[in-house]
Protein backbone atom coordinates (compact mmCIF):
# COMPACT_ATOMS: atom_id res chain seq x y z
CA MET A 1 7.26 -118.70 65.80
CA LYS A 2 7.42 -122.01 63.98
CA ARG A 3 10.84 -123.72 63.87
CA PRO A 4 12.03 -124.55 60.33
CA LYS A 5 12.86 -128.12 59.34
CA ALA A 6 16.40 -128.77 58.18
CA ASN A 7 18.61 -131.73 57.23
CA CYS A 8 21.84 -132.39 59.10
CA LYS A 9 24.92 -132.00 56.87
CA THR A 10 26.69 -134.83 58.69
CA CYS A 11 24.14 -137.59 59.20
CA GLY A 12 21.35 -136.43 56.86
CA ARG A 13 18.70 -136.70 59.58
CA GLU A 14 15.84 -134.21 59.48
CA PHE A 15 15.57 -132.00 62.57
CA LEU A 16 13.82 -128.87 63.77
CA GLY A 17 16.14 -125.94 63.28
CA TRP A 18 16.25 -122.53 64.92
CA SER A 19 15.48 -119.17 63.43
CA GLY A 20 18.13 -116.49 63.81
CA GLY A 21 21.13 -116.52 66.10
CA ARG A 22 24.46 -118.18 65.48
CA ASN A 23 23.00 -121.60 64.74
CA THR A 24 22.81 -121.91 60.97
CA ASN A 25 20.63 -125.05 60.99
CA GLU A 26 23.38 -127.19 59.47
CA PHE A 27 23.74 -129.87 62.15
CA CYS A 28 21.29 -131.79 64.32
CA GLY A 29 23.49 -131.57 67.41
CA ARG A 30 26.93 -131.11 68.95
CA LYS A 31 28.13 -134.58 67.96
CA CYS A 32 27.46 -134.00 64.24
CA ARG A 33 28.93 -130.48 64.41
CA GLY A 34 32.08 -131.96 66.00
CA ILE A 35 32.39 -134.63 63.33
CA ALA A 36 32.05 -132.01 60.58
CA SER A 37 34.73 -129.80 62.15
CA ARG A 38 37.32 -132.60 61.91
CA ALA A 39 39.33 -133.48 58.85
CA ALA A 40 38.40 -131.65 55.65
CA GLY A 41 35.67 -129.70 57.43
CA ASN A 42 38.23 -127.87 59.53
CA PRO A 43 39.78 -124.69 58.07
CA ASN A 44 43.21 -125.81 59.39
CA TRP A 45 43.07 -129.11 57.46
CA LYS A 46 46.37 -129.81 55.69
CA GLY A 47 45.31 -132.82 53.61
CA GLY A 48 45.63 -135.53 56.22
CA VAL A 49 49.39 -136.13 56.05
CA VAL A 50 51.50 -135.18 59.06
CA GLU A 51 55.08 -135.80 60.04
CA GLY A 52 55.52 -137.85 63.19
CA PRO A 53 58.09 -137.00 65.87
CA ASP A 54 60.56 -139.47 64.33
CA GLY A 55 60.22 -138.03 60.81
CA ARG A 56 57.96 -140.74 59.40
CA LEU A 57 54.84 -139.62 57.54
CA MET A 58 51.41 -140.48 58.92
CA VAL A 59 48.09 -140.44 57.04
CA TYR A 60 44.67 -139.68 58.49
CA ALA A 61 42.75 -142.96 58.25
CA PRO A 62 39.48 -142.72 60.20
CA ASN A 63 38.24 -146.17 59.17
CA TYR A 64 41.51 -148.09 59.37
CA PRO A 65 40.71 -151.54 60.80
CA GLY A 66 43.67 -151.72 63.16
CA SER A 67 43.33 -148.28 64.74
CA LYS A 68 42.47 -148.15 68.41
CA VAL A 69 41.00 -144.65 68.24
CA ALA A 70 38.48 -143.54 65.62
CA GLY A 71 39.96 -140.87 63.39
CA SER A 72 43.56 -141.75 64.13
CA TYR A 73 46.63 -141.57 61.95
CA VAL A 74 48.45 -144.57 60.46
CA LEU A 75 52.03 -144.76 59.20
CA ARG A 76 52.06 -144.13 55.46
CA ALA A 77 54.62 -146.90 54.88
CA ARG A 78 52.25 -149.40 56.47
CA LEU A 79 49.36 -148.33 54.20
CA VAL A 80 51.55 -148.42 51.07
CA LEU A 81 52.87 -151.90 51.89
CA GLU A 82 49.40 -153.22 52.70
CA THR A 83 48.08 -151.93 49.38
CA TYR A 84 51.04 -153.47 47.53
CA LEU A 85 50.62 -156.86 49.28
CA GLY A 86 46.84 -156.79 48.99
CA ARG A 87 46.36 -157.60 52.67
CA LEU A 88 46.55 -155.98 56.09
CA LEU A 89 49.78 -156.39 58.02
CA GLU A 90 49.44 -158.43 61.18
CA PRO A 91 49.83 -156.53 64.47
CA ASP A 92 53.30 -158.07 64.96
CA GLU A 93 54.48 -157.09 61.44
CA ILE A 94 56.36 -153.92 60.55
CA ALA A 95 56.95 -152.12 57.25
CA HIS A 96 60.77 -152.16 57.05
CA HIS A 97 62.51 -149.57 54.86
CA ILE A 98 65.17 -151.49 52.91
CA ASN A 99 67.37 -148.46 52.17
CA GLY A 100 67.03 -147.09 55.72
CA ASP A 101 65.30 -143.85 54.63
CA LYS A 102 62.14 -143.59 56.77
CA THR A 103 60.56 -141.13 54.33
CA ASP A 104 61.03 -143.34 51.24
CA ASP A 105 57.67 -145.14 51.15
CA ARG A 106 57.93 -146.60 47.64
CA PRO A 107 56.59 -150.18 47.52
CA GLU A 108 59.91 -151.52 46.19
CA ASN A 109 61.67 -150.07 49.26
CA LEU A 110 59.31 -151.69 51.78
CA GLN A 111 59.43 -155.18 53.22
CA ALA A 112 57.08 -156.82 55.73
CA MET A 113 59.03 -158.07 58.74
CA LEU A 114 58.06 -159.52 62.08
CA ARG A 115 58.73 -157.06 64.88
CA ALA A 116 61.28 -159.42 66.52
CA ASP A 117 63.14 -160.00 63.24
CA HIS A 118 63.18 -156.25 62.60
CA SER A 119 64.77 -155.62 66.00
CA ARG A 120 67.40 -158.31 65.39
CA HIS A 121 68.16 -156.84 61.96
CA HIS A 122 68.86 -153.37 63.34
CA ILE A 123 70.78 -154.65 66.37
CA GLY A 124 73.06 -156.45 63.90
CA ASP A 125 73.56 -153.19 61.95
CA ARG A 126 74.50 -151.34 65.14
CA GLN A 127 76.99 -154.04 66.16
CA ASP A 128 78.65 -153.88 62.73
CA GLU A 129 78.95 -150.09 63.01
CA LEU A 130 80.42 -150.38 66.51
CA GLN A 131 83.02 -152.93 65.38
CA ALA A 132 84.01 -150.74 62.42
CA ALA A 133 84.42 -147.74 64.72
CA ARG A 134 86.61 -149.80 67.07
CA ARG A 135 88.80 -150.89 64.13
CA ARG A 136 89.19 -147.28 62.98
CA SER A 137 90.13 -146.05 66.45
CA ALA A 138 92.64 -148.90 66.95
CA ARG A 139 94.74 -147.76 63.96
């Protein structure tokens, strides 16, 4: 029996398909089938926005220049701030939430800060809170 020609839905390459069976002649191989089953091709796809363990929202960004792993997620605040600034944040820069709400990713609530400055900023906040608590307990 002659094998039918088909075009891969992922890469567009023409390949010899199979007649019958479970293979529906949609993909040229396992790699392309795997790519198609990720993201929007997966029936469990939820739109590409997930909540991280610390409550911050992350966006699926497969082609993000700074990602170490293809198809990884990037903090939504970082993407919003980069779009607002018109440039990528440097690896040592952080998108700081001015009002302290990690889920408030409005551009006016975000500020680019160096990682070291961001740490100093929050250490100062914690010291102020500790001093206020000591004053309250001393009364």
